[in-house]
Each structure stands twice: as structure tokens, then as C-alpha cells.
Amino acid sequence: MKRHWILLAACIILGMVAATALWAILPAKWQASATLQIGQLPVNPTALIESTAQASERFKQRQLQDQALKASGLPLNDEDRRTRLFRKTLKATPGKGTDFVDVSVAGFSAQDAEANLGSALQALIQAHEQLSAPMIKNLDERLEANSLQMTQATAEKARLDANLKSAAASPAGAKFEPSVVAINLLSKQEDLVRGLTAERSTLVDLHTKTNTFPTKVVDAIYVPAQPFFPKLVVFLLSGLFIGALAGTMLAMFRDRNHSQIGD
């Protein structure tokens, strides 16, 4: 029985020593994380540039990954271990019931992890800018057209009003009665000015930052001081378990052989 305990202890010690050696050999990895807020389009009612679930899926696309890798100065060839680590660990999780997306990626140093994540986030931001650019341009064009129409409508209203006042102030003004056509024209012009004013108010409201804003990082990139892999405690526990399992099996094997020899 004593021999069994010695064997078990020896296997456990060997397992933990091997685990420690493996922990010391394996390259350390740091994980960077940040939170994105998906931008809103200039529409009424307001809408996201794309859903958080779809934005999260974009990080799995090779096109976005390649763009981020280029920005980080990394090769696109998966034979490079830094590139493999980037593609393997780039993860995005949509927030439930929010317009937030949590993004993380790993690197072989804290600086690499932070740079990799920054490039990935910027790649998505640029993709969203391309999606929203046509709508922003259209909104700007509508505002410009509204301003031109407002200038013309205001000038025409002032002209009609001045003509009516001038006619009323003429020597024959006492006998002058504004025609129904002139009054209708002025009334329609006033309605047009009111409609253009309301339209401009709506367009300006859509263009404000409270209703329309780009995708942005709302939580600064965070990288812990210590690497997330490898963890010595996990390796020691694994070595302990494997050593204990191996010791138990060896003890059982020795007992079985001893019994067979005794028989």
C-alpha cells in the first residue's frame, strides 16, 4: 500500500513539473476588449445602420479581417502565427436589447492585442460610413434644395404682398378691390412657405447628432496587465489531475501483474 502512495505522489509531482515546463514554454497571449455603439441613419423613425447581430457577423468576414490586418501591418497569409491568432480570436457579441456590440481579440503582447482590436473596430466603422454615406448625402441635398425653394418662395410671397399693398395705396385704391386670383396666389404662397419651413425643421432634426450619429467606440480598449493564456493555476491543476490519474492506473496495473505472478 505504501508503494502505491509513493508511486501516486511521484506521478503527481512529475505531472505538475511537466505542466509547469509547458506553461513556461508556451507563448503568452493578451486579450483586448472594447464596446461599439452602432450608428443611426438619418431616417424617421430612427434606425440602426445595421442590426447588432449583423454587425457582429461582419467581424467573421475575411474582407473585414484582411482590412484590419493590413492596417495592423500583419501579413494576410495564415502561415504567420500572429495572423492565425487574430483570425481565431476575433469575436463580437451583440448586446441584448441594446445597440452595443462587445468585441475582443488576442495578441502575443498587450500592445499587439490593443493595435489589432483598434484596427478591427476601425474597419467596421469605415464599413458603416460607406453604408450611411449615400443617405447623409441625400439628406444634405434635400436641405440644400429646401433652402433654395424657401428663398424663391419667400421672395415670391413678398412680391405678391407688395403688389397688393401698392395697388391698395394707389389713388384709385378706394375703388380697388383685390382680385380673388391675387388673394389665392398669396394664400398658396404662404402655404408653400409654411410647408417648406416644416420640411426644413424635420430635415434639420434628422441631421442633428441626437438622431443621427456614426458607429463609434463607447468604451475604451481595455487590455489586462496579465495575459489570459497560459494560466499557471490551470496548468498545475491539469498536471495534478493527469498525474493522479496516471499514478492510479499504474498502481492498478502493478497490482494486477502482482496478482497474476502470485497465482
C-alpha atoms as a PDB file:
ATOM      1  CA  MET A   1       0.000   0.000   0.000  1.00  0.00           C
ATOM      2  CA  LYS A   2       2.861   2.320   0.863  1.00  0.00           C
ATOM      3  CA  ARG A   3       4.391   1.700  -2.550  1.00  0.00           C
ATOM      4  CA  HIS A   4       1.139   2.802  -4.163  1.00  0.00           C
ATOM      5  CA  TRP A   5       1.166   6.137  -2.336  1.00  0.00           C
ATOM      6  CA  ILE A   6       4.781   6.727  -3.293  1.00  0.00           C
ATOM      7  CA  LEU A   7       4.008   5.928  -6.933  1.00  0.00           C
ATOM      8  CA  LEU A   8       0.938   8.174  -6.874  1.00  0.00           C
ATOM      9  CA  ALA A   9       2.898  11.044  -5.320  1.00  0.00           C
ATOM     10  CA  ALA A  10       5.704  10.613  -7.834  1.00  0.00           C
ATOM     11  CA  CYS A  11       3.277  10.700 -10.766  1.00  0.00           C
ATOM     12  CA  ILE A  12       1.579  13.801  -9.377  1.00  0.00           C
ATOM     13  CA  ILE A  13       4.903  15.588  -8.933  1.00  0.00           C
ATOM     14  CA  LEU A  14       6.017  14.616 -12.442  1.00  0.00           C
ATOM     15  CA  GLY A  15       2.684  15.788 -13.869  1.00  0.00           C
ATOM     16  CA  MET A  16       2.929  19.166 -12.150  1.00  0.00           C
ATOM     17  CA  VAL A  17       6.579  19.609 -13.184  1.00  0.00           C
ATOM     18  CA  ALA A  18       5.662  18.806 -16.797  1.00  0.00           C
ATOM     19  CA  ALA A  19       2.725  21.223 -16.618  1.00  0.00           C
ATOM     20  CA  THR A  20       4.982  23.975 -15.257  1.00  0.00           C
ATOM     21  CA  ALA A  21       7.506  23.362 -18.014  1.00  0.00           C
ATOM     22  CA  LEU A  22       4.783  23.515 -20.644  1.00  0.00           C
ATOM     23  CA  TRP A  23       3.426  26.729 -19.095  1.00  0.00           C
ATOM     24  CA  ALA A  24       6.890  28.292 -19.298  1.00  0.00           C
ATOM     25  CA  ILE A  25       7.370  27.244 -22.928  1.00  0.00           C
ATOM     26  CA  LEU A  26       4.020  28.298 -24.402  1.00  0.00           C
ATOM     27  CA  PRO A  27       3.854  31.915 -25.680  1.00  0.00           C
ATOM     28  CA  ALA A  28       1.738  34.279 -23.590  1.00  0.00           C
ATOM     29  CA  LYS A  29      -1.414  35.800 -25.083  1.00  0.00           C
ATOM     30  CA  TRP A  30      -3.172  39.011 -24.082  1.00  0.00           C
ATOM     31  CA  GLN A  31      -6.807  39.797 -24.836  1.00  0.00           C
ATOM     32  CA  ALA A  32      -8.098  43.276 -25.718  1.00  0.00           C
ATOM     33  CA  SER A  33     -11.787  44.178 -25.472  1.00  0.00           C
ATOM     34  CA  ALA A  34     -13.981  47.182 -26.258  1.00  0.00           C
ATOM     35  CA  THR A  35     -17.625  48.138 -26.826  1.00  0.00           C
ATOM     36  CA  LEU A  36     -19.036  49.599 -30.036  1.00  0.00           C
ATOM     37  CA  GLN A  37     -22.254  51.561 -30.405  1.00  0.00           C
ATOM     38  CA  ILE A  38     -23.893  51.024 -33.783  1.00  0.00           C
ATOM     39  CA  GLY A  39     -24.685  54.317 -35.511  1.00  0.00           C
ATOM     40  CA  GLN A  40     -28.133  55.549 -36.539  1.00  0.00           C
ATOM     41  CA  LEU A  41     -29.334  56.506 -40.004  1.00  0.00           C
ATOM     42  CA  PRO A  42     -30.990  59.863 -40.816  1.00  0.00           C
ATOM     43  CA  VAL A  43     -34.486  58.420 -41.206  1.00  0.00           C
ATOM     44  CA  ASN A  44     -37.741  58.763 -39.338  1.00  0.00           C
ATOM     45  CA  PRO A  45     -38.347  56.676 -37.310  1.00  0.00           C
ATOM     46  CA  THR A  46     -34.695  56.267 -36.430  1.00  0.00           C
ATOM     47  CA  ALA A  47     -32.976  53.032 -37.441  1.00  0.00           C
ATOM     48  CA  LEU A  48     -29.563  51.493 -36.903  1.00  0.00           C
ATOM     49  CA  ILE A  49     -27.089  51.390 -39.778  1.00  0.00           C
ATOM     50  CA  GLU A  50     -27.386  47.631 -39.371  1.00  0.00           C
ATOM     51  CA  SER A  51     -28.515  45.336 -36.590  1.00  0.00           C
ATOM     52  CA  THR A  52     -26.087  44.436 -33.833  1.00  0.00           C
ATOM     53  CA  ALA A  53     -26.310  40.772 -34.857  1.00  0.00           C
ATOM     54  CA  GLN A  54     -25.385  41.586 -38.452  1.00  0.00           C
ATOM     55  CA  ALA A  55     -22.577  43.897 -37.318  1.00  0.00           C
ATOM     56  CA  SER A  56     -21.215  41.075 -35.155  1.00  0.00           C
ATOM     57  CA  GLU A  57     -21.250  38.734 -38.137  1.00  0.00           C
ATOM     58  CA  ARG A  58     -19.180  41.223 -40.144  1.00  0.00           C
ATOM     59  CA  PHE A  59     -16.184  40.510 -37.925  1.00  0.00           C
ATOM     60  CA  LYS A  60     -16.224  36.935 -39.240  1.00  0.00           C
ATOM     61  CA  GLN A  61     -15.919  38.107 -42.849  1.00  0.00           C
ATOM     62  CA  ARG A  62     -12.482  37.715 -44.349  1.00  0.00           C
ATOM     63  CA  GLN A  63     -12.738  41.051 -46.145  1.00  0.00           C
ATOM     64  CA  LEU A  64     -13.039  42.976 -42.887  1.00  0.00           C
ATOM     65  CA  GLN A  65     -10.335  40.858 -41.258  1.00  0.00           C
ATOM     66  CA  ASP A  66      -7.960  41.466 -44.169  1.00  0.00           C
ATOM     67  CA  GLN A  67      -8.566  45.213 -43.952  1.00  0.00           C
ATOM     68  CA  ALA A  68      -7.785  45.166 -40.228  1.00  0.00           C
ATOM     69  CA  LEU A  69      -4.685  43.007 -40.741  1.00  0.00           C
ATOM     70  CA  LYS A  70      -3.334  45.422 -43.350  1.00  0.00           C
ATOM     71  CA  ALA A  71      -3.914  48.351 -41.004  1.00  0.00           C
ATOM     72  CA  SER A  72      -2.010  46.494 -38.264  1.00  0.00           C
ATOM     73  CA  GLY A  73       0.863  45.727 -40.614  1.00  0.00           C
ATOM     74  CA  LEU A  74       0.274  41.980 -40.452  1.00  0.00           C
ATOM     75  CA  PRO A  75       0.502  39.591 -43.432  1.00  0.00           C
ATOM     76  CA  LEU A  76      -2.705  38.126 -44.842  1.00  0.00           C
ATOM     77  CA  ASN A  77      -1.067  34.716 -45.105  1.00  0.00           C
ATOM     78  CA  ASP A  78      -2.398  32.393 -42.404  1.00  0.00           C
ATOM     79  CA  GLU A  79       1.052  30.813 -42.073  1.00  0.00           C
ATOM     80  CA  ASP A  80       2.021  33.748 -39.842  1.00  0.00           C
ATOM     81  CA  ARG A  81       1.155  32.872 -36.230  1.00  0.00           C
ATOM     82  CA  ARG A  82       0.063  36.455 -35.469  1.00  0.00           C
ATOM     83  CA  THR A  83      -2.417  36.370 -38.347  1.00  0.00           C
ATOM     84  CA  ARG A  84      -3.735  32.964 -37.285  1.00  0.00           C
ATOM     85  CA  LEU A  85      -4.221  34.201 -33.737  1.00  0.00           C
ATOM     86  CA  PHE A  86      -6.045  37.310 -34.988  1.00  0.00           C
ATOM     87  CA  ARG A  87      -8.488  35.371 -37.170  1.00  0.00           C
ATOM     88  CA  LYS A  88      -9.053  32.718 -34.494  1.00  0.00           C
ATOM     89  CA  THR A  89      -9.714  35.059 -31.565  1.00  0.00           C
ATOM     90  CA  LEU A  90     -11.582  37.986 -33.169  1.00  0.00           C
ATOM     91  CA  LYS A  91     -15.023  37.752 -31.555  1.00  0.00           C
ATOM     92  CA  ALA A  92     -18.071  40.020 -31.432  1.00  0.00           C
ATOM     93  CA  THR A  93     -21.135  39.623 -29.217  1.00  0.00           C
ATOM     94  CA  PRO A  94     -24.287  41.725 -29.737  1.00  0.00           C
ATOM     95  CA  GLY A  95     -25.828  43.237 -26.617  1.00  0.00           C
ATOM     96  CA  LYS A  96     -29.326  42.077 -25.771  1.00  0.00           C
ATOM     97  CA  GLY A  97     -31.885  44.830 -26.289  1.00  0.00           C
ATOM     98  CA  THR A  98     -29.197  47.480 -26.920  1.00  0.00           C
ATOM     99  CA  ASP A  99     -27.288  48.976 -29.854  1.00  0.00           C
ATOM    100  CA  PHE A 100     -23.951  47.869 -28.348  1.00  0.00           C
ATOM    101  CA  VAL A 101     -21.539  45.195 -29.592  1.00  0.00           C
ATOM    102  CA  ASP A 102     -18.739  43.783 -27.425  1.00  0.00           C
ATOM    103  CA  VAL A 103     -15.602  42.986 -29.443  1.00  0.00           C
ATOM    104  CA  SER A 104     -12.397  41.229 -28.389  1.00  0.00           C
ATOM    105  CA  VAL A 105      -9.225  39.862 -29.959  1.00  0.00           C
ATOM    106  CA  ALA A 106      -5.916  38.429 -28.745  1.00  0.00           C
ATOM    107  CA  GLY A 107      -2.267  39.207 -29.410  1.00  0.00           C
ATOM    108  CA  PHE A 108       1.133  37.943 -28.369  1.00  0.00           C
ATOM    109  CA  SER A 109       1.673  41.158 -26.410  1.00  0.00           C
ATOM    110  CA  ALA A 110      -0.589  43.723 -24.773  1.00  0.00           C
ATOM    111  CA  GLN A 111       0.424  46.288 -27.420  1.00  0.00           C
ATOM    112  CA  ASP A 112      -0.330  43.875 -30.276  1.00  0.00           C
ATOM    113  CA  ALA A 113      -3.731  42.996 -28.842  1.00  0.00           C
ATOM    114  CA  GLU A 114      -4.676  46.663 -28.485  1.00  0.00           C
ATOM    115  CA  ALA A 115      -3.469  47.517 -32.003  1.00  0.00           C
ATOM    116  CA  ASN A 116      -5.274  44.514 -33.515  1.00  0.00           C
ATOM    117  CA  LEU A 117      -8.557  45.419 -31.869  1.00  0.00           C
ATOM    118  CA  GLY A 118      -8.242  49.076 -32.836  1.00  0.00           C
ATOM    119  CA  SER A 119      -7.754  48.078 -36.485  1.00  0.00           C
ATOM    120  CA  ALA A 120     -10.745  45.713 -36.404  1.00  0.00           C
ATOM    121  CA  LEU A 121     -13.004  48.352 -34.859  1.00  0.00           C
ATOM    122  CA  GLN A 122     -11.906  50.957 -37.389  1.00  0.00           C
ATOM    123  CA  ALA A 123     -12.597  48.529 -40.230  1.00  0.00           C
ATOM    124  CA  LEU A 124     -16.218  48.161 -39.118  1.00  0.00           C
ATOM    125  CA  ILE A 125     -16.591  51.918 -38.576  1.00  0.00           C
ATOM    126  CA  GLN A 126     -15.388  52.550 -42.137  1.00  0.00           C
ATOM    127  CA  ALA A 127     -17.785  49.920 -43.490  1.00  0.00           C
ATOM    128  CA  HIS A 128     -20.674  51.643 -41.717  1.00  0.00           C
ATOM    129  CA  GLU A 129     -19.571  55.037 -43.036  1.00  0.00           C
ATOM    130  CA  GLN A 130     -19.817  53.648 -46.559  1.00  0.00           C
ATOM    131  CA  LEU A 131     -23.312  52.312 -45.832  1.00  0.00           C
ATOM    132  CA  SER A 132     -24.607  55.581 -44.389  1.00  0.00           C
ATOM    133  CA  ALA A 133     -22.789  57.975 -46.776  1.00  0.00           C
ATOM    134  CA  PRO A 134     -25.460  57.868 -49.557  1.00  0.00           C
ATOM    135  CA  MET A 135     -28.244  58.673 -47.076  1.00  0.00           C
ATOM    136  CA  ILE A 136     -26.260  61.505 -45.496  1.00  0.00           C
ATOM    137  CA  LYS A 137     -25.534  62.892 -48.968  1.00  0.00           C
ATOM    138  CA  ASN A 138     -29.214  62.665 -49.902  1.00  0.00           C
ATOM    139  CA  LEU A 139     -30.176  64.492 -46.707  1.00  0.00           C
ATOM    140  CA  ASP A 140     -27.682  67.264 -47.431  1.00  0.00           C
ATOM    141  CA  GLU A 141     -29.040  67.613 -50.978  1.00  0.00           C
ATOM    142  CA  ARG A 142     -32.618  67.815 -49.673  1.00  0.00           C
ATOM    143  CA  LEU A 143     -31.591  70.535 -47.216  1.00  0.00           C
ATOM    144  CA  GLU A 144     -29.891  72.477 -49.988  1.00  0.00           C
ATOM    145  CA  ALA A 145     -32.935  72.146 -52.260  1.00  0.00           C
ATOM    146  CA  ASN A 146     -35.209  73.218 -49.410  1.00  0.00           C
ATOM    147  CA  SER A 147     -33.125  76.342 -48.802  1.00  0.00           C
ATOM    148  CA  LEU A 148     -33.306  77.282 -52.491  1.00  0.00           C
ATOM    149  CA  GLN A 149     -37.061  76.694 -52.638  1.00  0.00           C
ATOM    150  CA  MET A 150     -37.541  78.670 -49.416  1.00  0.00           C
ATOM    151  CA  THR A 151     -35.608  81.635 -50.840  1.00  0.00           C
ATOM    152  CA  GLN A 152     -37.687  81.604 -54.015  1.00  0.00           C
ATOM    153  CA  ALA A 153     -40.990  81.113 -52.191  1.00  0.00           C
ATOM    154  CA  THR A 154     -40.263  83.904 -49.695  1.00  0.00           C
ATOM    155  CA  ALA A 155     -39.271  86.287 -52.468  1.00  0.00           C
ATOM    156  CA  GLU A 156     -42.437  85.497 -54.448  1.00  0.00           C
ATOM    157  CA  LYS A 157     -44.617  85.948 -51.358  1.00  0.00           C
ATOM    158  CA  ALA A 158     -43.007  89.322 -50.660  1.00  0.00           C
ATOM    159  CA  ARG A 159     -43.539  90.359 -54.289  1.00  0.00           C
ATOM    160  CA  LEU A 160     -47.219  89.413 -54.252  1.00  0.00           C
ATOM    161  CA  ASP A 161     -47.767  91.114 -50.914  1.00  0.00           C
ATOM    162  CA  ALA A 162     -46.018  94.267 -52.119  1.00  0.00           C
ATOM    163  CA  ASN A 163     -48.100  94.353 -55.299  1.00  0.00           C
ATOM    164  CA  LEU A 164     -51.336  94.092 -53.342  1.00  0.00           C
ATOM    165  CA  LYS A 165     -50.294  96.831 -50.898  1.00  0.00           C
ATOM    166  CA  SER A 166     -49.135  99.062 -53.755  1.00  0.00           C
ATOM    167  CA  ALA A 167     -52.411  98.643 -55.570  1.00  0.00           C
ATOM    168  CA  ALA A 168     -54.371  99.390 -52.410  1.00  0.00           C
ATOM    169  CA  ALA A 169     -52.327 102.559 -51.778  1.00  0.00           C
ATOM    170  CA  SER A 170     -52.782 103.893 -55.311  1.00  0.00           C
ATOM    171  CA  PRO A 171     -55.067 106.903 -55.979  1.00  0.00           C
ATOM    172  CA  ALA A 172     -57.686 104.511 -57.138  1.00  0.00           C
ATOM    173  CA  GLY A 173     -57.231 102.398 -54.034  1.00  0.00           C
ATOM    174  CA  ALA A 174     -60.613 103.357 -52.582  1.00  0.00           C
ATOM    175  CA  LYS A 175     -62.273 101.841 -55.573  1.00  0.00           C
ATOM    176  CA  PHE A 176     -59.732  98.979 -55.790  1.00  0.00           C
ATOM    177  CA  GLU A 177     -60.791  95.587 -54.692  1.00  0.00           C
ATOM    178  CA  PRO A 178     -58.039  92.894 -54.746  1.00  0.00           C
ATOM    179  CA  SER A 179     -58.949  90.204 -57.174  1.00  0.00           C
ATOM    180  CA  VAL A 180     -59.797  86.751 -55.922  1.00  0.00           C
ATOM    181  CA  VAL A 181     -56.978  85.349 -58.079  1.00  0.00           C
ATOM    182  CA  ALA A 182     -54.330  87.569 -56.432  1.00  0.00           C
ATOM    183  CA  ILE A 183     -55.513  86.653 -52.935  1.00  0.00           C
ATOM    184  CA  ASN A 184     -55.480  82.951 -53.795  1.00  0.00           C
ATOM    185  CA  LEU A 185     -51.947  83.201 -55.159  1.00  0.00           C
ATOM    186  CA  LEU A 186     -50.729  84.889 -51.977  1.00  0.00           C
ATOM    187  CA  SER A 187     -52.508  82.309 -49.811  1.00  0.00           C
ATOM    188  CA  LYS A 188     -50.948  79.422 -51.747  1.00  0.00           C
ATOM    189  CA  GLN A 189     -47.528  81.025 -51.442  1.00  0.00           C
ATOM    190  CA  GLU A 190     -47.953  81.340 -47.680  1.00  0.00           C
ATOM    191  CA  ASP A 191     -48.941  77.653 -47.502  1.00  0.00           C
ATOM    192  CA  LEU A 192     -45.850  76.768 -49.527  1.00  0.00           C
ATOM    193  CA  VAL A 193     -43.595  78.736 -47.147  1.00  0.00           C
ATOM    194  CA  ARG A 194     -45.165  77.011 -44.132  1.00  0.00           C
ATOM    195  CA  GLY A 195     -44.702  73.593 -45.747  1.00  0.00           C
ATOM    196  CA  LEU A 196     -41.060  74.288 -46.599  1.00  0.00           C
ATOM    197  CA  THR A 197     -40.441  75.546 -43.052  1.00  0.00           C
ATOM    198  CA  ALA A 198     -41.907  72.339 -41.582  1.00  0.00           C
ATOM    199  CA  GLU A 199     -39.869  70.212 -44.015  1.00  0.00           C
ATOM    200  CA  ARG A 200     -36.660  72.024 -43.109  1.00  0.00           C
ATOM    201  CA  SER A 201     -37.358  71.546 -39.406  1.00  0.00           C
ATOM    202  CA  THR A 202     -37.753  67.795 -39.975  1.00  0.00           C
ATOM    203  CA  LEU A 203     -34.585  67.571 -42.077  1.00  0.00           C
ATOM    204  CA  VAL A 204     -32.533  69.544 -39.571  1.00  0.00           C
ATOM    205  CA  ASP A 205     -33.859  67.354 -36.764  1.00  0.00           C
ATOM    206  CA  LEU A 206     -32.747  64.234 -38.657  1.00  0.00           C
ATOM    207  CA  HIS A 207     -29.336  65.777 -39.189  1.00  0.00           C
ATOM    208  CA  THR A 208     -28.730  66.528 -35.500  1.00  0.00           C
ATOM    209  CA  LYS A 209     -26.317  64.365 -33.519  1.00  0.00           C
ATOM    210  CA  THR A 210     -29.078  63.164 -31.200  1.00  0.00           C
ATOM    211  CA  ASN A 211     -30.856  61.418 -34.066  1.00  0.00           C
ATOM    212  CA  THR A 212     -28.024  60.646 -36.453  1.00  0.00           C
ATOM    213  CA  PHE A 213     -24.542  59.571 -35.416  1.00  0.00           C
ATOM    214  CA  PRO A 214     -21.834  57.251 -36.757  1.00  0.00           C
ATOM    215  CA  THR A 215     -20.764  53.937 -35.297  1.00  0.00           C
ATOM    216  CA  LYS A 216     -18.283  54.660 -32.524  1.00  0.00           C
ATOM    217  CA  VAL A 217     -16.298  53.147 -29.674  1.00  0.00           C
ATOM    218  CA  VAL A 218     -18.075  53.967 -26.415  1.00  0.00           C
ATOM    219  CA  ASP A 219     -15.783  52.032 -24.087  1.00  0.00           C
ATOM    220  CA  ALA A 220     -12.025  52.483 -24.455  1.00  0.00           C
ATOM    221  CA  ILE A 221      -9.998  49.443 -25.464  1.00  0.00           C
ATOM    222  CA  TYR A 222      -9.041  47.509 -22.341  1.00  0.00           C
ATOM    223  CA  VAL A 223      -6.107  45.114 -22.071  1.00  0.00           C
ATOM    224  CA  PRO A 224      -5.381  43.457 -18.680  1.00  0.00           C
ATOM    225  CA  ALA A 225      -1.841  43.694 -17.374  1.00  0.00           C
ATOM    226  CA  GLN A 226      -1.591  39.895 -17.172  1.00  0.00           C
ATOM    227  CA  PRO A 227      -2.012  37.529 -20.143  1.00  0.00           C
ATOM    228  CA  PHE A 228      -5.151  35.416 -20.267  1.00  0.00           C
ATOM    229  CA  PHE A 229      -3.127  32.418 -21.506  1.00  0.00           C
ATOM    230  CA  PRO A 230      -1.374  30.389 -20.275  1.00  0.00           C
ATOM    231  CA  LYS A 231      -2.524  30.469 -16.638  1.00  0.00           C
ATOM    232  CA  LEU A 232      -0.189  28.686 -14.227  1.00  0.00           C
ATOM    233  CA  VAL A 233      -3.008  27.627 -11.879  1.00  0.00           C
ATOM    234  CA  VAL A 234      -4.900  25.902 -14.693  1.00  0.00           C
ATOM    235  CA  PHE A 235      -1.775  24.084 -15.846  1.00  0.00           C
ATOM    236  CA  LEU A 236      -0.896  22.980 -12.290  1.00  0.00           C
ATOM    237  CA  LEU A 237      -4.404  21.649 -11.708  1.00  0.00           C
ATOM    238  CA  SER A 238      -4.266  19.830 -15.046  1.00  0.00           C
ATOM    239  CA  GLY A 239      -0.876  18.358 -14.126  1.00  0.00           C
ATOM    240  CA  LEU A 240      -2.235  17.303 -10.747  1.00  0.00           C
ATOM    241  CA  PHE A 241      -5.241  15.577 -12.298  1.00  0.00           C
ATOM    242  CA  ILE A 242      -3.266  13.858 -15.063  1.00  0.00           C
ATOM    243  CA  GLY A 243      -0.533  12.799 -12.607  1.00  0.00           C
ATOM    244  CA  ALA A 244      -3.076  11.403 -10.160  1.00  0.00           C
ATOM    245  CA  LEU A 245      -4.887   9.569 -12.956  1.00  0.00           C
ATOM    246  CA  ALA A 246      -1.642   8.126 -14.320  1.00  0.00           C
ATOM    247  CA  GLY A 247      -0.488   7.115 -10.815  1.00  0.00           C
ATOM    248  CA  THR A 248      -3.771   5.363 -10.077  1.00  0.00           C
ATOM    249  CA  MET A 249      -3.696   3.457 -13.359  1.00  0.00           C
ATOM    250  CA  LEU A 250      -0.050   2.418 -12.815  1.00  0.00           C
ATOM    251  CA  ALA A 251      -0.844   1.233  -9.293  1.00  0.00           C
ATOM    252  CA  MET A 252      -3.785  -0.831 -10.550  1.00  0.00           C
ATOM    253  CA  PHE A 253      -1.631  -2.249 -13.330  1.00  0.00           C
ATOM    254  CA  ARG A 254       1.109  -3.241 -10.880  1.00  0.00           C
ATOM    255  CA  ASP A 255      -1.425  -4.862  -8.531  1.00  0.00           C
ATOM    256  CA  ARG A 256      -2.865  -6.839 -11.417  1.00  0.00           C
ATOM    257  CA  ASN A 257       0.537  -8.062 -12.548  1.00  0.00           C
ATOM    258  CA  HIS A 258       1.494  -8.913  -8.972  1.00  0.00           C
ATOM    259  CA  SER A 259      -1.671 -10.969  -8.587  1.00  0.00           C
ATOM    260  CA  GLN A 260      -1.027 -12.851 -11.798  1.00  0.00           C
ATOM    261  CA  ILE A 261       2.550 -13.640 -10.731  1.00  0.00           C
ATOM    262  CA  GLY A 262       1.315 -14.793  -7.318  1.00  0.00           C
ATOM    263  CA  ASP A 263      -1.155 -17.163  -8.944  1.00  0.00           C
END
